[in-house]
Protein backbone atom coordinates (compact mmCIF):
# COMPACT_ATOMS: atom_id res chain seq x y z
CA UNK A 1 -22.41 -8.64 18.64
CA UNK A 2 -19.07 -7.26 19.18
CA UNK A 3 -17.60 -5.13 22.08
CA UNK A 4 -14.20 -3.20 21.11
CA UNK A 5 -11.93 -0.67 22.12
CA UNK A 6 -11.46 2.41 20.66
CA UNK A 7 -9.05 2.69 17.37
CA UNK A 8 -5.29 4.70 11.84
CA UNK A 9 -5.91 5.53 9.87
CA UNK A 10 -7.46 7.43 7.82
CA UNK A 11 -8.98 4.21 9.20
CA UNK A 12 -11.98 4.62 10.47
CA UNK A 13 -13.94 7.12 12.70
CA UNK A 14 -13.46 5.91 16.27
CA UNK A 15 -13.00 8.30 18.85
CA UNK A 16 -10.98 8.49 21.97
CA UNK A 17 -11.14 11.31 24.15
CA UNK A 18 -8.04 13.16 24.62
CA UNK A 19 -8.56 13.30 28.46
CA UNK A 20 -9.39 9.62 29.01
CA UNK A 21 -8.19 8.41 32.21
CA UNK A 22 -5.53 5.59 32.25
CA UNK A 23 -6.90 2.43 32.16
CA UNK A 24 -6.65 0.04 35.24
CA UNK A 25 -5.90 -3.58 34.98
CA UNK A 26 -9.09 -5.48 34.26
CA UNK A 27 -10.45 -8.97 34.64
CA UNK A 28 -13.12 -10.23 32.61
CA UNK A 29 -14.64 -13.46 33.21
CA UNK A 30 -16.53 -14.80 29.72
CA UNK A 31 -18.72 -17.72 29.65
CA UNK A 32 -16.83 -21.18 29.63
CA UNK A 33 -17.69 -21.89 25.83
CA UNK A 34 -15.43 -19.77 23.73
CA UNK A 35 -17.38 -16.70 22.31
CA UNK A 36 -14.80 -14.81 20.15
CA UNK A 37 -11.24 -13.14 20.70
CA UNK A 38 -9.93 -10.53 22.49
CA UNK A 39 -7.73 -7.85 21.07
CA UNK A 40 -5.88 -5.19 23.06
CA UNK A 41 -3.83 -1.88 22.04
CA UNK A 42 -2.24 1.15 23.95
CA UNK A 43 -4.51 3.81 24.77
CA UNK A 44 -4.50 6.47 22.30
CA UNK A 45 -4.30 10.13 22.97
CA UNK A 46 -5.49 11.15 19.84
CA UNK A 47 -9.06 12.51 19.38
CA UNK A 48 -9.72 10.38 16.63
CA UNK A 49 -8.25 8.42 13.99
CA UNK A 50 -9.79 7.64 10.59
CA UNK A 51 -8.76 6.60 7.16
CA UNK A 52 -9.95 6.35 3.63
CA UNK A 53 -8.14 3.33 2.56
CA UNK A 54 -7.28 1.43 5.93
CA UNK A 55 -9.42 -1.31 5.53
CA UNK A 56 -8.11 -1.97 2.03
CA UNK A 57 -4.42 -2.88 2.87
CA UNK A 58 -3.37 -6.06 3.83
CA UNK A 59 -1.52 -4.61 6.74
CA UNK A 60 -0.75 -1.31 8.55
CA UNK A 61 2.11 -1.38 11.09
CA UNK A 62 1.29 0.91 13.82
CA UNK A 63 3.61 3.68 14.27
CA UNK A 64 3.97 2.78 18.12
CA UNK A 65 4.74 -0.59 17.30
CA UNK A 66 7.92 -1.78 19.43
CA UNK A 67 9.29 -5.03 21.24
CA UNK A 68 7.16 -4.13 24.37
CA UNK A 69 3.96 -4.92 22.37
CA UNK A 70 2.86 -8.60 22.15
CA UNK A 71 2.41 -9.92 18.98
CA UNK A 72 -0.54 -12.12 17.79
CA UNK A 73 -0.73 -15.64 17.00
CA UNK A 74 0.48 -14.97 13.32
CA UNK A 75 3.20 -12.91 14.40
CA UNK A 76 1.92 -9.63 13.14
CA UNK A 77 1.77 -6.20 15.02
CA UNK A 78 -1.57 -4.92 13.63
CA UNK A 79 -4.17 -6.68 11.99
CA UNK A 80 -7.75 -6.04 11.11
CA UNK A 81 -10.56 -8.65 11.83
CA UNK A 82 -13.99 -8.60 10.21
CA UNK A 83 -15.18 -4.92 9.61
CA UNK A 84 -13.47 -3.48 12.10
CA UNK A 85 -10.10 -1.47 11.26
CA UNK A 86 -8.08 -2.64 14.14
CA UNK A 87 -4.86 -0.74 13.15
CA UNK A 88 -2.30 -0.95 16.11
CA UNK A 89 -4.40 -3.86 17.69
CA UNK A 90 -2.74 -7.35 18.85
CA UNK A 91 -4.71 -10.36 19.40
CA UNK A 92 -4.59 -11.07 23.26
CA UNK A 93 -6.80 -14.13 24.29
CA UNK A 94 -9.56 -16.18 23.31
CA UNK A 95 -12.67 -14.73 24.97
CA UNK A 96 -13.16 -17.97 27.04
CA UNK A 97 -13.12 -18.01 30.78
CA UNK A 98 -10.85 -15.51 33.03
CA UNK A 99 -9.33 -12.78 30.68
CA UNK A 100 -6.79 -10.20 32.21
CA UNK A 101 -6.72 -6.78 30.12
CA UNK A 102 -3.20 -5.21 30.88
CA UNK A 103 -3.12 -1.47 32.46
CA UNK A 104 -3.20 0.98 29.84
CA UNK A 105 -4.81 -1.20 27.40
CA UNK A 106 -7.94 -0.41 25.50
CA UNK A 107 -9.74 -3.76 24.91
CA UNK A 108 -11.63 -5.22 21.71
CA UNK A 109 -14.09 -8.21 21.98
CA UNK A 110 -14.95 -9.78 19.05
CA UNK A 111 -18.24 -12.02 18.85
CA UNK A 112 -20.50 -12.65 16.27
CA UNK A 113 -23.53 -14.35 18.21
CA UNK A 114 -25.97 -13.33 20.18
CA UNK A 115 -24.41 -12.13 23.65
CA UNK A 116 -25.00 -14.43 26.95
CA UNK A 117 -28.47 -13.67 28.79
CA UNK A 118 -26.58 -12.48 31.89
CA UNK A 119 -24.11 -9.58 30.57
CA UNK A 120 -23.35 -8.58 34.00
CA UNK A 121 -19.67 -9.79 34.10
CA UNK A 122 -18.67 -8.24 30.52
CA UNK A 123 -20.42 -4.53 31.40
CA UNK A 124 -18.55 -1.48 32.16
CA UNK A 125 -14.96 -2.87 30.30
CA UNK A 126 -15.23 -1.65 26.81
CA UNK A 127 -14.51 1.83 25.12
CA UNK A 128 -16.89 0.76 22.18
CA UNK A 129 -19.36 -1.83 20.96
CA UNK A 130 -20.42 -3.76 17.94
CA UNK A 131 -23.61 -5.79 17.50
CA UNK A 132 -23.31 -7.70 14.41
CA UNK A 133 -25.76 -9.97 12.69
CA UNK A 134 -28.82 -10.28 14.68
CA UNK A 135 -31.95 -8.39 15.98
CA UNK A 136 -31.23 -6.07 19.10
CA UNK A 137 -33.39 -7.11 21.93
CA UNK A 138 -34.38 -4.84 24.94
CA UNK A 139 -31.66 -6.41 26.78
CA UNK A 140 -29.08 -5.19 24.49
CA UNK A 141 -29.78 -1.63 24.61
CA UNK A 142 -30.03 -1.84 28.45
CA UNK A 143 -26.64 -3.13 28.47
CA UNK A 144 -25.47 -0.61 26.03
CA UNK A 145 -26.64 1.98 28.95
CA UNK A 146 -24.56 0.55 31.42
CA UNK A 147 -21.43 1.20 29.65
CA UNK A 148 -19.92 4.01 31.23
CA UNK A 149 -16.85 4.28 29.13
CA UNK A 150 -18.74 3.47 25.87
CA UNK A 151 -17.79 5.99 22.87
CA UNK A 152 -18.20 4.42 19.86
CA UNK A 153 -21.15 2.15 18.96
CA UNK A 154 -21.18 -0.16 15.38
CA UNK A 155 -24.11 -1.76 14.43
CA UNK A 156 -23.65 -4.05 11.48
CA UNK A 157 -25.80 -6.48 9.85
CA UNK A 158 -28.25 -5.67 12.58
CA UNK A 159 -32.21 -4.98 12.80
CA UNK A 160 -33.39 -2.28 15.18
CA UNK A 161 -36.01 0.49 15.21
CA UNK A 162 -34.55 4.18 14.51
CA UNK A 163 -36.08 4.98 17.32
CA UNK A 164 -34.06 2.90 19.80
CA UNK A 165 -31.21 5.16 19.03
CA UNK A 166 -32.77 7.95 20.95
CA UNK A 167 -30.89 5.95 23.84
CA UNK A 168 -27.71 8.14 22.52
CA UNK A 169 -29.44 11.23 23.69
CA UNK A 170 -28.37 9.87 27.49
CA UNK A 171 -25.15 8.89 26.89
CA UNK A 172 -23.20 11.79 26.58
CA UNK A 173 -19.84 10.22 25.90
CA UNK A 174 -20.79 8.78 22.55
CA UNK A 175 -18.72 10.08 19.78
CA UNK A 176 -18.68 7.56 16.78
CA UNK A 177 -21.56 5.90 15.64
CA UNK A 178 -21.56 3.26 12.59
CA UNK A 179 -24.39 1.88 10.86
CA UNK A 180 -23.31 -0.75 8.37
CA UNK A 181 -25.74 -2.67 6.36
CA UNK A 182 -28.33 -2.76 8.80
CA UNK A 183 -32.35 -3.07 8.44
CA UNK A 184 -33.90 0.10 10.03
CA UNK A 185 -37.55 0.09 11.09
CA UNK A 186 -39.73 2.84 11.72
CA UNK A 187 -39.14 6.63 11.10
CA UNK A 188 -36.28 8.65 12.43
CA UNK A 189 -38.42 11.61 13.07
CA UNK A 190 -35.91 13.74 14.93
CA UNK A 191 -33.71 10.83 16.62
CA UNK A 192 -30.79 11.65 15.09
CA UNK A 193 -30.74 15.35 15.45
CA UNK A 194 -30.73 14.85 19.05
CA UNK A 195 -27.20 12.89 19.13
CA UNK A 196 -25.39 16.50 19.76
CA UNK A 197 -22.21 14.61 21.11
CA UNK A 198 -21.33 12.89 17.87
CA UNK A 199 -18.07 13.73 16.22
CA UNK A 200 -17.97 10.72 13.60
CA UNK A 201 -20.71 9.18 11.83
CA UNK A 202 -20.94 6.30 9.03
CA UNK A 203 -24.21 5.02 7.14
CA UNK A 204 -22.58 2.62 4.89
CA UNK A 205 -24.80 0.04 2.52
CA UNK A 206 -27.50 1.61 4.26
CA UNK A 207 -30.19 3.65 2.50
CA UNK A 208 -30.79 7.11 3.73
CA UNK A 209 -32.96 10.17 2.45
CA UNK A 210 -32.82 13.57 1.92
CA UNK A 211 -34.83 14.63 5.40
CA UNK A 212 -32.08 12.15 7.15
CA UNK A 213 -29.01 14.26 5.56
CA UNK A 214 -30.78 17.51 6.93
CA UNK A 215 -30.61 16.09 10.63
CA UNK A 216 -27.18 14.87 9.77
CA UNK A 217 -26.34 18.48 8.57
CA UNK A 218 -27.36 19.78 12.02
CA UNK A 219 -24.94 17.86 14.32
CA UNK A 220 -22.54 20.40 15.51
CA UNK A 221 -19.50 18.56 16.09
CA UNK A 222 -19.73 16.25 13.49
CA UNK A 223 -16.32 16.22 11.77
CA UNK A 224 -16.52 12.60 10.40
CA UNK A 225 -19.14 11.63 7.78
CA UNK A 226 -19.11 8.41 5.87
CA UNK A 227 -22.20 7.63 3.60
CA UNK A 228 -20.48 4.54 1.51
CA UNK A 229 -23.38 2.95 -0.88
CA UNK A 230 -25.98 4.90 1.10
CA UNK A 231 -27.95 5.88 -2.09
CA UNK A 232 -26.81 9.61 -1.42
CA UNK A 233 -28.47 11.87 -3.88
CA UNK A 234 -27.46 15.35 -5.34
CA UNK A 235 -30.27 16.97 -3.27
CA UNK A 236 -28.86 15.05 0.04
CA UNK A 237 -25.58 16.36 -0.61
CA UNK A 238 -26.97 19.90 -0.85
CA UNK A 239 -28.17 19.57 2.28
CA UNK A 240 -24.91 17.91 4.03
CA UNK A 241 -22.96 20.89 2.78
CA UNK A 242 -24.44 23.65 4.73
CA UNK A 243 -22.63 26.82 5.43
CA UNK A 244 -20.12 26.94 8.62
CA UNK A 245 -20.17 23.08 8.52
CA UNK A 246 -17.59 21.33 10.91
CA UNK A 247 -17.17 18.45 8.39
CA UNK A 248 -13.47 17.38 8.17
CA UNK A 249 -13.61 14.27 6.63
CA UNK A 250 -16.49 13.07 3.93
CA UNK A 251 -16.45 9.57 2.38
CA UNK A 252 -19.02 9.24 -0.30
CA UNK A 253 -17.84 6.11 -2.54
CA UNK A 254 -20.56 4.09 -4.21
CA UNK A 255 -23.20 6.61 -4.72
CA UNK A 256 -25.05 8.13 -7.50
CA UNK A 257 -23.67 11.65 -7.55
CA UNK A 258 -23.29 13.98 -10.74
CA UNK A 259 -21.99 17.40 -11.41
CA UNK A 260 -25.49 18.62 -10.04
CA UNK A 261 -24.17 17.81 -6.40
CA UNK A 262 -20.79 19.01 -6.37
CA UNK A 263 -21.07 22.78 -6.51
CA UNK A 264 -22.11 22.69 -2.62
CA UNK A 265 -18.58 21.17 -1.84
CA UNK A 266 -17.32 24.72 -1.84
CA UNK A 267 -19.40 25.14 1.61
CA UNK A 268 -17.08 22.76 3.53
CA UNK A 269 -14.32 25.04 4.10
CA UNK A 270 -12.97 22.90 6.99
CA UNK A 271 -12.95 19.67 4.57
CA UNK A 272 -9.49 17.96 4.46
CA UNK A 273 -10.54 14.26 3.41
CA UNK A 274 -12.97 13.54 0.37
CA UNK A 275 -13.45 10.01 -1.26
CA UNK A 276 -15.37 9.85 -4.03
CA UNK A 277 -14.55 6.68 -5.90
CA UNK A 278 -17.63 4.91 -8.14
CA UNK A 279 -19.89 7.90 -8.73
CA UNK A 280 -20.94 9.53 -11.71
CA UNK A 281 -18.88 12.64 -11.65
CA UNK A 282 -18.15 14.72 -15.03
CA UNK A 283 -15.61 17.36 -15.96
CA UNK A 284 -17.42 20.32 -14.01
CA UNK A 285 -16.54 18.43 -10.71
CA UNK A 286 -12.85 18.46 -11.10
CA UNK A 287 -12.13 21.94 -10.83
CA UNK A 288 -14.61 22.64 -7.51
CA UNK A 289 -12.28 19.95 -5.80
CA UNK A 290 -9.18 21.55 -6.60
CA UNK A 291 -10.60 24.56 -5.03
CA UNK A 292 -11.03 23.25 -1.71
CA UNK A 293 -8.90 25.18 0.55
CA UNK A 294 -7.98 22.53 3.36
CA UNK A 295 -8.03 19.24 1.30
CA UNK A 296 -5.32 16.84 2.09
CA UNK A 297 -6.55 13.52 1.13
CA UNK A 298 -8.54 12.89 -1.81
CA UNK A 299 -9.70 9.52 -3.51
CA UNK A 300 -10.72 9.30 -7.10
CA UNK A 301 -10.42 5.59 -7.71
CA UNK A 302 -12.23 4.16 -10.40
CA UNK A 303 -13.60 7.46 -11.85
CA UNK A 304 -12.89 8.76 -15.53
CA UNK A 305 -9.84 10.60 -14.58
CA UNK A 306 -7.30 11.78 -17.34
CA UNK A 307 -4.35 13.89 -17.77
CA UNK A 308 -6.84 16.93 -18.01
CA UNK A 309 -8.56 16.13 -14.82
CA UNK A 310 -5.37 15.56 -12.79
CA UNK A 311 -4.18 18.65 -13.79
CA UNK A 312 -7.48 20.41 -11.99
CA UNK A 313 -7.42 18.73 -8.66
CA UNK A 314 -3.70 18.72 -8.04
CA UNK A 315 -4.08 22.52 -7.82
CA UNK A 316 -5.34 22.04 -4.27
CA UNK A 317 -3.02 23.73 -1.77
CA UNK A 318 -2.83 21.55 0.88
CA UNK A 319 -2.93 17.91 -1.14
CA UNK A 320 -1.01 15.33 0.87
CA UNK A 321 -2.68 12.11 -0.35
CA UNK A 322 -4.00 11.45 -3.96
CA UNK A 323 -5.64 7.90 -4.85
CA UNK A 324 -6.50 7.37 -8.12
CA UNK A 325 -6.35 3.23 -8.52
CA UNK A 326 -8.35 2.18 -11.59
CA UNK A 327 -8.50 5.31 -13.38
CA UNK A 328 -7.52 6.43 -17.02
CA UNK A 329 -4.40 7.96 -16.02
CA UNK A 330 -1.21 7.50 -18.04
CA UNK A 331 2.75 8.47 -18.16
CA UNK A 332 1.36 11.80 -19.52
CA UNK A 333 -1.18 12.72 -16.87
CA UNK A 334 1.60 12.53 -14.10
CA UNK A 335 3.02 15.68 -15.60
CA UNK A 336 0.56 17.20 -13.08
CA UNK A 337 2.65 15.73 -10.44
CA UNK A 338 5.01 18.77 -10.61
CA UNK A 339 2.27 21.01 -8.43
CA UNK A 340 2.71 18.71 -5.82
CA UNK A 341 6.11 18.67 -4.24
CA UNK A 342 4.19 17.88 -0.94
CA UNK A 343 2.50 14.77 -1.76
CA UNK A 344 3.25 11.99 0.59
CA UNK A 345 0.70 9.17 -0.81
CA UNK A 346 0.16 8.34 -4.09
CA UNK A 347 -1.92 5.40 -5.36
CA UNK A 348 -1.84 4.06 -8.87
CA UNK A 349 -2.49 0.54 -8.82
CA UNK A 350 -4.40 -0.86 -11.84
CA UNK A 351 -3.45 2.17 -14.32
CA UNK A 352 -1.19 2.62 -17.66
CA UNK A 353 1.62 3.79 -15.84
CA UNK A 354 4.66 2.48 -17.11
CA UNK A 355 8.61 2.94 -16.33
CA UNK A 356 8.45 6.33 -18.03
CA UNK A 357 5.77 7.67 -16.21
CA UNK A 358 7.65 7.30 -13.08
CA UNK A 359 10.06 9.63 -14.13
CA UNK A 360 7.75 12.24 -12.89
CA UNK A 361 8.40 11.30 -9.15
CA UNK A 362 11.22 13.44 -9.03
CA UNK A 363 8.54 16.20 -8.09
CA UNK A 364 7.52 14.20 -5.23
CA UNK A 365 10.69 14.20 -2.96
CA UNK A 366 8.57 13.77 0.41
CA UNK A 367 6.44 10.69 -0.79
CA UNK A 368 6.18 8.14 1.62
CA UNK A 369 3.69 5.60 0.02
CA UNK A 370 3.42 4.70 -3.42
CA UNK A 371 1.06 1.84 -4.98
CA UNK A 372 1.85 0.58 -8.17
CA UNK A 373 0.39 -2.73 -8.21
CA UNK A 374 -0.86 -4.34 -11.42
CA UNK A 375 0.99 -1.61 -13.77
CA UNK A 376 3.34 -2.28 -16.38
CA UNK A 377 6.58 -1.01 -14.19
CA UNK A 378 9.53 -3.17 -14.56
CA UNK A 379 13.21 -3.33 -13.16
CA UNK A 380 14.41 -0.42 -14.96
CA UNK A 381 11.89 2.10 -13.87
CA UNK A 382 12.64 1.26 -10.30
CA UNK A 383 15.66 3.41 -10.45
CA UNK A 384 13.19 6.29 -10.60
CA UNK A 385 12.33 5.21 -7.06
CA UNK A 386 15.66 6.42 -5.63
CA UNK A 387 14.58 10.26 -6.13
CA UNK A 388 11.94 9.27 -3.53
CA UNK A 389 14.16 8.53 -0.41
CA UNK A 390 11.16 8.79 2.24
CA UNK A 391 9.41 5.91 0.85
CA UNK A 392 8.37 3.93 3.93
CA UNK A 393 5.43 1.58 2.34
CA UNK A 394 5.66 0.17 -1.50
CA UNK A 395 3.42 -1.83 -3.49
CA UNK A 396 4.89 -3.39 -6.32
CA UNK A 397 2.57 -6.67 -6.52
CA UNK A 398 1.78 -8.28 -9.70
CA UNK A 399 4.09 -6.32 -11.65
CA UNK A 400 7.06 -7.69 -13.94
CA UNK A 401 9.55 -7.26 -11.34
CA UNK A 402 12.62 -9.55 -11.33
CA UNK A 403 15.51 -10.42 -8.68
CA UNK A 404 17.54 -7.62 -10.52
CA UNK A 405 15.09 -5.02 -9.40
CA UNK A 406 16.06 -5.74 -5.46
CA UNK A 407 19.40 -4.28 -5.85
CA UNK A 408 17.58 -0.89 -6.39
CA UNK A 409 14.88 -1.20 -3.71
CA UNK A 410 17.58 -2.27 -1.29
CA UNK A 411 18.79 1.49 -1.69
CA UNK A 412 15.34 3.01 -0.17
CA UNK A 413 16.48 2.54 3.70
CA UNK A 414 13.44 3.74 5.06
CA UNK A 415 11.00 1.06 3.82
CA UNK A 416 8.92 -0.12 6.12
CA UNK A 417 6.43 -2.25 4.24
CA UNK A 418 7.08 -4.02 0.87
CA UNK A 419 4.49 -5.77 -1.03
CA UNK A 420 6.22 -8.16 -3.95
CA UNK A 421 3.38 -10.41 -4.31
CA UNK A 422 2.78 -12.12 -7.72
CA UNK A 423 5.76 -10.62 -9.19
CA UNK A 424 8.65 -12.67 -10.85
CA UNK A 425 10.96 -13.11 -7.90
CA UNK A 426 12.86 -16.60 -7.78
CA UNK A 427 14.93 -15.66 -4.71
CA UNK A 428 18.33 -15.11 -5.22
CA UNK A 429 17.91 -11.27 -4.96
CA UNK A 430 16.44 -11.44 -1.71
CA UNK A 431 19.93 -11.15 -0.10
CA UNK A 432 19.92 -7.22 -1.10
CA UNK A 433 16.98 -6.56 1.33
CA UNK A 434 19.28 -7.82 4.27
CA UNK A 435 19.91 -3.84 4.11
CA UNK A 436 16.82 -2.69 4.75
CA UNK A 437 16.86 -2.62 8.87
CA UNK A 438 13.45 -0.93 9.15
CA UNK A 439 11.48 -3.24 7.03
CA UNK A 440 8.73 -4.60 9.25
CA UNK A 441 6.53 -6.37 6.52
CA UNK A 442 7.20 -8.15 3.11
CA UNK A 443 4.84 -9.73 1.39
CA UNK A 444 6.01 -12.35 -1.28
CA UNK A 445 2.58 -14.45 -1.69
CA UNK A 446 2.37 -16.09 -5.14
CA UNK A 447 5.43 -14.79 -6.75
CA UNK A 448 7.37 -16.85 -8.96
CA UNK A 449 9.27 -18.62 -5.90
CA UNK A 450 6.59 -20.87 -4.96
CA UNK A 451 7.68 -23.56 -2.44
CA UNK A 452 11.09 -24.42 -4.71
CA UNK A 453 13.30 -25.67 -2.32
CA UNK A 454 16.19 -23.77 -3.36
CA UNK A 455 13.90 -20.66 -3.53
CA UNK A 456 13.05 -21.15 0.20
CA UNK A 457 16.45 -21.23 1.29
CA UNK A 458 16.75 -17.61 0.29
CA UNK A 459 13.81 -16.84 2.07
CA UNK A 460 14.59 -18.60 5.37
CA UNK A 461 18.07 -16.58 5.34
CA UNK A 462 16.16 -13.24 5.02
CA UNK A 463 13.98 -14.29 7.48
CA UNK A 464 17.02 -14.86 10.06
CA UNK A 465 18.74 -11.47 9.09
CA UNK A 466 15.71 -9.47 9.65
CA UNK A 467 14.13 -10.96 12.91
CA UNK A 468 11.92 -7.93 13.18
CA UNK A 469 10.34 -8.22 9.97
CA UNK A 470 7.37 -10.31 9.23
CA UNK A 471 7.91 -12.31 5.93
CA UNK A 472 4.63 -13.57 4.45
CA UNK A 473 6.08 -16.69 2.48
CA UNK A 474 5.47 -17.61 -1.30
CA UNK A 475 2.47 -20.15 -2.45
CA UNK A 476 -0.08 -20.33 -4.22
């Protein structure tokens, strides 16, 4: 079982009531045998944070990171553990003996075992809980009902009866429910439909049917819905897309959706985030997606997206983030970016993009995050990135980048995260990166430097010059 506090991004649907009272200092007495780790984070005032790509990143530096925050054992100011999207969280202590949680911090307890028989000392301290890898007992459900601050519940690789979730009707603070790779026994009846306080719901790699989709569609406050790998049908999608739906975030990756289901997306007039990678969509779907009036984040990874489809979806008037990694997009397709001067995030990993295609980035002066991993980009093409002075997060891993290209990157003064893993770096060019005073994370794993003593000298010099930056060293 995992017990946790609330939680980026577009990571993941955790809800924190904006009016939550400030948390006092708390002491928790754990069993003497270590049962996991405790994480903490400053209490959030956002009503929720979620992300369509958060858990696929090696590191997300929290926006509020500063020297006042303690660091985790490995020096990172934010890392993810297991399934939880722990953006902004920091390792605090092993869950053994007496653990003190500082004032103003939410707490997360990560354990993957059956909880102690006597859970009384652990009660009333947590904003969220996760039960993992075991069959839920009556005692577990009773414990949940005693959690007066609980607003998020996660069930992962767990076994339980659908009717057990009726307890959520008695827990009005619950805002988020995640069911991931679970075995659910019995019929749902109208159990889920009674959970009217839910604002975020995730059924991931857990089978759902059309009747359950009809229940989900009736939840009056539901703003975040993820059905990744849930065997969602076109008929089920139709049931979900009711008129005046409150949905703002819809993640439908790894299903069997076709053009038969996508016409109903037009009912989702409040939709801001849509993720559809690894579905069976065809030409008719792209025009419909481009017509969504509030769409800001769109993920079409590993779909048959070419120049024609890109032109159709980039007409969405509010589009800010576009994820098209692993598609058939090439240099010519990026002409469509001329319609997206407001674009802030662009993921082009594992596409046919070359230096020539990067010239189209001049149309995206607001770009803040760019993923070019595994593309044919070279040092020459990096000159085009100078036209994107707002870049904060840049991924050039497994490209042909050499030390010569780092002089160009040093002109991107706002860079905070830079991934150069698997490149041809040998070390001398690292001196140019000393000018990047905002840099907080630099990935050098598996680049050509390896453990060469001369190369490591350049690494350590940069490490000394940027004390606030975590540098992941080269190696195999």
